[in-house]
Amino acid sequence: MQFELSVRVLQPHRKGNDMKTKSTNIAEDLRPEYNFDYSKAVRGKYFKRLLEEGANVVVLEPDVAKAFGNSAAVNDALRSLLDLTRSTQRLTRRSSGRSKTRAT
């Protein structure tokens, strides 16, 4: 009895002729000004300074954010609202003629 294989014999793997992607070193792809050593980084380095200077970060809800294209548009809308509030307060103060007192 004689046996034959129906599968072709696998050819030995030739080094360098495969279709694998070449692994590249990320540091080689970066420009020198972007080559940053993260081992020397300090977490929260400017956090105290931002708090002292009064930097305000406001997160808008998605439906509100859709109404404005950028931060300048949000600032313009808020300034308009503040101006409107100031002008209506002046009108209210002038027309009432009496001082507001709270009942306790």
N, C-alpha and C. Protein backbone atom coordinates (compact mmCIF):
# COMPACT_ATOMS: atom_id res chain seq x y z
N MET A 1 0.83 -1.16 0.00
CA MET A 1 0.00 0.00 0.00
C MET A 1 0.89 1.24 0.00
N GLN A 2 0.53 2.18 -0.82
CA GLN A 2 1.32 3.39 -0.96
C GLN A 2 0.44 4.59 -0.63
N PHE A 3 0.96 5.51 0.19
CA PHE A 3 0.21 6.71 0.59
C PHE A 3 0.80 7.94 -0.07
N GLU A 4 -0.09 8.81 -0.50
CA GLU A 4 0.37 10.07 -1.07
C GLU A 4 -0.38 11.21 -0.35
N LEU A 5 0.31 12.31 -0.19
CA LEU A 5 -0.31 13.47 0.44
C LEU A 5 -1.03 14.28 -0.62
N SER A 6 -2.21 14.71 -0.29
CA SER A 6 -2.95 15.54 -1.23
C SER A 6 -2.65 17.03 -1.03
N VAL A 7 -1.93 17.37 0.00
CA VAL A 7 -1.59 18.76 0.30
C VAL A 7 -0.18 19.03 -0.21
N ARG A 8 -0.02 20.18 -0.82
CA ARG A 8 1.32 20.53 -1.27
C ARG A 8 2.23 20.74 -0.06
N VAL A 9 3.42 20.42 -0.23
CA VAL A 9 4.40 20.61 0.84
C VAL A 9 4.67 22.11 0.95
N LEU A 10 4.62 22.61 2.18
CA LEU A 10 4.85 24.02 2.40
C LEU A 10 6.29 24.39 2.07
N GLN A 11 6.43 25.50 1.36
CA GLN A 11 7.78 25.96 1.04
C GLN A 11 8.37 26.64 2.27
N PRO A 12 9.65 26.53 2.43
CA PRO A 12 10.26 27.18 3.59
C PRO A 12 10.11 28.70 3.50
N HIS A 13 9.93 29.32 4.67
CA HIS A 13 9.74 30.77 4.74
C HIS A 13 11.04 31.48 4.38
N ARG A 14 10.94 32.40 3.44
CA ARG A 14 12.12 33.17 3.05
C ARG A 14 12.10 34.49 3.80
N LYS A 15 13.15 34.79 4.46
CA LYS A 15 13.23 36.00 5.25
C LYS A 15 13.28 37.23 4.35
N GLY A 16 12.42 38.21 4.66
CA GLY A 16 12.43 39.46 3.93
C GLY A 16 11.49 39.51 2.74
N ASN A 17 10.87 38.44 2.37
CA ASN A 17 9.97 38.43 1.23
C ASN A 17 8.51 38.34 1.63
N ASP A 18 8.20 38.60 2.88
CA ASP A 18 6.81 38.49 3.31
C ASP A 18 6.12 39.85 3.14
N MET A 19 4.82 39.88 3.35
CA MET A 19 4.03 41.08 3.12
C MET A 19 3.66 41.78 4.44
N LYS A 20 4.40 41.49 5.48
CA LYS A 20 4.12 42.12 6.76
C LYS A 20 4.46 43.60 6.69
N THR A 21 3.72 44.38 7.48
CA THR A 21 4.03 45.81 7.51
C THR A 21 5.32 46.04 8.27
N LYS A 22 6.04 47.00 7.82
CA LYS A 22 7.30 47.30 8.48
C LYS A 22 7.01 48.10 9.74
N SER A 23 7.64 47.72 10.81
CA SER A 23 7.46 48.49 12.04
C SER A 23 8.42 49.67 12.00
N THR A 24 7.86 50.84 12.22
CA THR A 24 8.67 52.04 12.20
C THR A 24 8.76 52.62 13.60
N ASN A 25 9.83 53.24 13.89
CA ASN A 25 10.01 53.88 15.17
C ASN A 25 9.34 55.24 15.12
N ILE A 26 8.42 55.49 16.03
CA ILE A 26 7.66 56.74 16.02
C ILE A 26 8.59 57.94 16.20
N ALA A 27 9.62 57.79 17.00
CA ALA A 27 10.54 58.90 17.25
C ALA A 27 11.22 59.35 15.97
N GLU A 28 11.42 58.45 15.04
CA GLU A 28 12.06 58.81 13.78
C GLU A 28 11.12 59.62 12.89
N ASP A 29 9.81 59.43 13.04
CA ASP A 29 8.84 60.12 12.21
C ASP A 29 8.54 61.53 12.69
N LEU A 30 8.83 61.83 13.95
CA LEU A 30 8.51 63.13 14.52
C LEU A 30 9.55 64.17 14.16
N ARG A 31 9.07 65.39 14.02
CA ARG A 31 10.01 66.50 13.85
C ARG A 31 10.72 66.71 15.19
N PRO A 32 11.90 67.29 15.15
CA PRO A 32 12.65 67.47 16.40
C PRO A 32 11.91 68.30 17.45
N GLU A 33 11.12 69.29 17.04
CA GLU A 33 10.42 70.12 18.02
C GLU A 33 9.30 69.37 18.73
N TYR A 34 8.87 68.23 18.16
CA TYR A 34 7.82 67.44 18.78
C TYR A 34 8.37 66.23 19.53
N ASN A 35 9.64 66.05 19.51
CA ASN A 35 10.26 64.93 20.21
C ASN A 35 10.36 65.30 21.68
N PHE A 36 9.41 64.85 22.49
CA PHE A 36 9.29 65.25 23.88
C PHE A 36 9.56 64.07 24.78
N ASP A 37 10.34 64.30 25.79
CA ASP A 37 10.66 63.25 26.76
C ASP A 37 9.62 63.28 27.88
N TYR A 38 8.66 62.38 27.82
CA TYR A 38 7.57 62.37 28.78
C TYR A 38 8.01 61.91 30.17
N SER A 39 9.17 61.33 30.29
CA SER A 39 9.63 60.91 31.61
C SER A 39 9.95 62.11 32.49
N LYS A 40 10.18 63.28 31.88
CA LYS A 40 10.49 64.49 32.64
C LYS A 40 9.25 65.38 32.84
N ALA A 41 8.10 64.94 32.38
CA ALA A 41 6.88 65.74 32.47
C ALA A 41 6.38 65.80 33.91
N VAL A 42 5.73 66.91 34.25
CA VAL A 42 5.17 67.11 35.59
C VAL A 42 3.67 67.26 35.44
N ARG A 43 2.92 66.41 36.12
CA ARG A 43 1.47 66.45 36.03
C ARG A 43 0.92 67.64 36.81
N GLY A 44 0.04 68.39 36.19
CA GLY A 44 -0.60 69.52 36.85
C GLY A 44 0.32 70.70 37.10
N LYS A 45 1.31 70.87 36.26
CA LYS A 45 2.32 71.90 36.46
C LYS A 45 1.71 73.31 36.51
N TYR A 46 0.73 73.59 35.68
CA TYR A 46 0.15 74.92 35.59
C TYR A 46 -1.23 75.01 36.24
N PHE A 47 -1.64 74.00 36.95
CA PHE A 47 -2.97 73.96 37.53
C PHE A 47 -3.20 75.09 38.53
N LYS A 48 -2.26 75.28 39.47
CA LYS A 48 -2.43 76.34 40.48
C LYS A 48 -2.47 77.72 39.83
N ARG A 49 -1.63 77.93 38.84
CA ARG A 49 -1.59 79.22 38.17
C ARG A 49 -2.92 79.52 37.49
N LEU A 50 -3.51 78.50 36.86
CA LEU A 50 -4.81 78.70 36.21
C LEU A 50 -5.88 79.05 37.23
N LEU A 51 -5.84 78.42 38.39
CA LEU A 51 -6.82 78.74 39.42
C LEU A 51 -6.63 80.15 39.96
N GLU A 52 -5.36 80.55 40.14
CA GLU A 52 -5.08 81.88 40.67
C GLU A 52 -5.48 82.97 39.67
N GLU A 53 -5.27 82.71 38.39
CA GLU A 53 -5.60 83.71 37.38
C GLU A 53 -7.09 83.75 37.09
N GLY A 54 -7.81 82.78 37.56
CA GLY A 54 -9.25 82.78 37.38
C GLY A 54 -9.70 82.26 36.03
N ALA A 55 -8.98 81.29 35.50
CA ALA A 55 -9.39 80.70 34.23
C ALA A 55 -10.67 79.91 34.45
N ASN A 56 -11.69 80.20 33.68
CA ASN A 56 -12.96 79.52 33.81
C ASN A 56 -13.18 78.61 32.61
N VAL A 57 -13.47 77.38 32.89
CA VAL A 57 -13.80 76.44 31.84
C VAL A 57 -15.25 76.04 32.04
N VAL A 58 -16.05 76.20 31.00
CA VAL A 58 -17.46 75.87 31.07
C VAL A 58 -17.74 74.81 30.03
N VAL A 59 -18.39 73.75 30.43
CA VAL A 59 -18.76 72.68 29.51
C VAL A 59 -20.21 72.87 29.11
N LEU A 60 -20.43 73.03 27.82
CA LEU A 60 -21.79 73.24 27.31
C LEU A 60 -22.46 71.91 27.03
N GLU A 61 -23.74 71.88 27.24
CA GLU A 61 -24.52 70.70 26.86
C GLU A 61 -24.51 70.60 25.34
N PRO A 62 -24.63 69.39 24.79
CA PRO A 62 -24.55 69.22 23.33
C PRO A 62 -25.55 70.05 22.54
N ASP A 63 -26.79 70.18 23.03
CA ASP A 63 -27.78 70.95 22.27
C ASP A 63 -27.43 72.44 22.26
N VAL A 64 -26.83 72.94 23.33
CA VAL A 64 -26.41 74.34 23.37
C VAL A 64 -25.18 74.54 22.49
N ALA A 65 -24.25 73.60 22.52
CA ALA A 65 -23.03 73.71 21.72
C ALA A 65 -23.33 73.74 20.23
N LYS A 66 -24.39 73.06 19.80
CA LYS A 66 -24.76 73.07 18.38
C LYS A 66 -25.18 74.45 17.90
N ALA A 67 -25.69 75.26 18.82
CA ALA A 67 -26.18 76.59 18.45
C ALA A 67 -25.05 77.58 18.19
N PHE A 68 -23.86 77.27 18.69
CA PHE A 68 -22.73 78.20 18.56
C PHE A 68 -21.59 77.53 17.80
N GLY A 69 -20.98 78.29 16.90
CA GLY A 69 -19.88 77.74 16.10
C GLY A 69 -18.56 77.68 16.82
N ASN A 70 -18.32 78.65 17.72
CA ASN A 70 -17.04 78.69 18.41
C ASN A 70 -17.20 79.47 19.72
N SER A 71 -16.10 79.62 20.44
CA SER A 71 -16.18 80.30 21.74
C SER A 71 -16.49 81.79 21.59
N ALA A 72 -16.07 82.39 20.49
CA ALA A 72 -16.36 83.82 20.28
C ALA A 72 -17.87 84.04 20.16
N ALA A 73 -18.58 83.14 19.50
CA ALA A 73 -20.03 83.26 19.37
C ALA A 73 -20.72 83.13 20.72
N VAL A 74 -20.21 82.24 21.55
CA VAL A 74 -20.78 82.08 22.90
C VAL A 74 -20.55 83.35 23.70
N ASN A 75 -19.34 83.90 23.63
CA ASN A 75 -19.04 85.13 24.37
C ASN A 75 -19.90 86.29 23.90
N ASP A 76 -20.10 86.41 22.59
CA ASP A 76 -20.95 87.49 22.06
C ASP A 76 -22.39 87.37 22.57
N ALA A 77 -22.90 86.15 22.57
CA ALA A 77 -24.28 85.93 23.03
C ALA A 77 -24.41 86.25 24.52
N LEU A 78 -23.42 85.84 25.30
CA LEU A 78 -23.48 86.13 26.74
C LEU A 78 -23.35 87.62 27.03
N ARG A 79 -22.49 88.31 26.28
CA ARG A 79 -22.36 89.76 26.45
C ARG A 79 -23.67 90.47 26.10
N SER A 80 -24.32 90.02 25.04
CA SER A 80 -25.61 90.60 24.66
C SER A 80 -26.63 90.39 25.77
N LEU A 81 -26.64 89.20 26.33
CA LEU A 81 -27.56 88.90 27.42
C LEU A 81 -27.27 89.77 28.65
N LEU A 82 -26.00 89.96 28.95
CA LEU A 82 -25.64 90.82 30.08
C LEU A 82 -26.07 92.27 29.83
N ASP A 83 -25.85 92.76 28.61
CA ASP A 83 -26.28 94.13 28.28
C ASP A 83 -27.80 94.27 28.42
N LEU A 84 -28.53 93.29 27.94
CA LEU A 84 -29.98 93.31 28.05
C LEU A 84 -30.42 93.30 29.51
N THR A 85 -29.77 92.49 30.31
CA THR A 85 -30.10 92.41 31.74
C THR A 85 -29.84 93.74 32.43
N ARG A 86 -28.70 94.35 32.12
CA ARG A 86 -28.38 95.65 32.73
C ARG A 86 -29.39 96.72 32.34
N SER A 87 -29.76 96.74 31.06
CA SER A 87 -30.70 97.78 30.62
C SER A 87 -32.08 97.57 31.22
N THR A 88 -32.54 96.35 31.36
CA THR A 88 -33.86 96.12 31.96
C THR A 88 -33.83 96.39 33.45
N GLN A 89 -32.70 96.16 34.12
CA GLN A 89 -32.60 96.48 35.54
C GLN A 89 -32.69 97.98 35.75
N ARG A 90 -32.04 98.75 34.86
CA ARG A 90 -32.11 100.21 34.98
C ARG A 90 -33.54 100.69 34.78
N LEU A 91 -34.22 100.13 33.80
CA LEU A 91 -35.60 100.53 33.56
C LEU A 91 -36.48 100.18 34.75
N THR A 92 -36.29 99.04 35.31
CA THR A 92 -37.09 98.60 36.44
C THR A 92 -36.82 99.47 37.65
N ARG A 93 -35.57 99.81 37.89
CA ARG A 93 -35.24 100.66 39.04
C ARG A 93 -35.84 102.05 38.90
N ARG A 94 -35.80 102.60 37.70
CA ARG A 94 -36.31 103.95 37.48
C ARG A 94 -37.83 104.00 37.58
N SER A 95 -38.49 103.00 37.06
CA SER A 95 -39.95 103.07 36.98
C SER A 95 -40.64 102.69 38.28
N SER A 96 -39.98 101.97 39.15
CA SER A 96 -40.66 101.51 40.35
C SER A 96 -40.92 102.64 41.33
N GLY A 97 -39.97 103.55 41.50
CA GLY A 97 -40.17 104.70 42.38
C GLY A 97 -40.09 104.35 43.85
N ARG A 98 -39.97 103.13 44.21
CA ARG A 98 -39.85 102.78 45.62
C ARG A 98 -38.70 101.78 45.81
N SER A 99 -38.17 101.78 46.96
CA SER A 99 -37.05 100.87 47.23
C SER A 99 -37.60 99.49 47.55
N LYS A 100 -36.81 98.53 47.20
CA LYS A 100 -37.23 97.15 47.47
C LYS A 100 -36.83 96.77 48.89
N THR A 101 -37.79 96.29 49.65
CA THR A 101 -37.52 95.81 50.99
C THR A 101 -38.06 94.39 51.09
N ARG A 102 -37.33 93.57 51.76
CA ARG A 102 -37.78 92.18 51.94
C ARG A 102 -38.57 92.03 53.22
N ALA A 103 -39.62 91.31 53.13
CA ALA A 103 -40.42 91.01 54.32
C ALA A 103 -39.79 89.83 55.01
N THR A 104 -39.56 89.97 56.29
CA THR A 104 -38.96 88.85 57.03
C THR A 104 -39.94 88.21 57.94
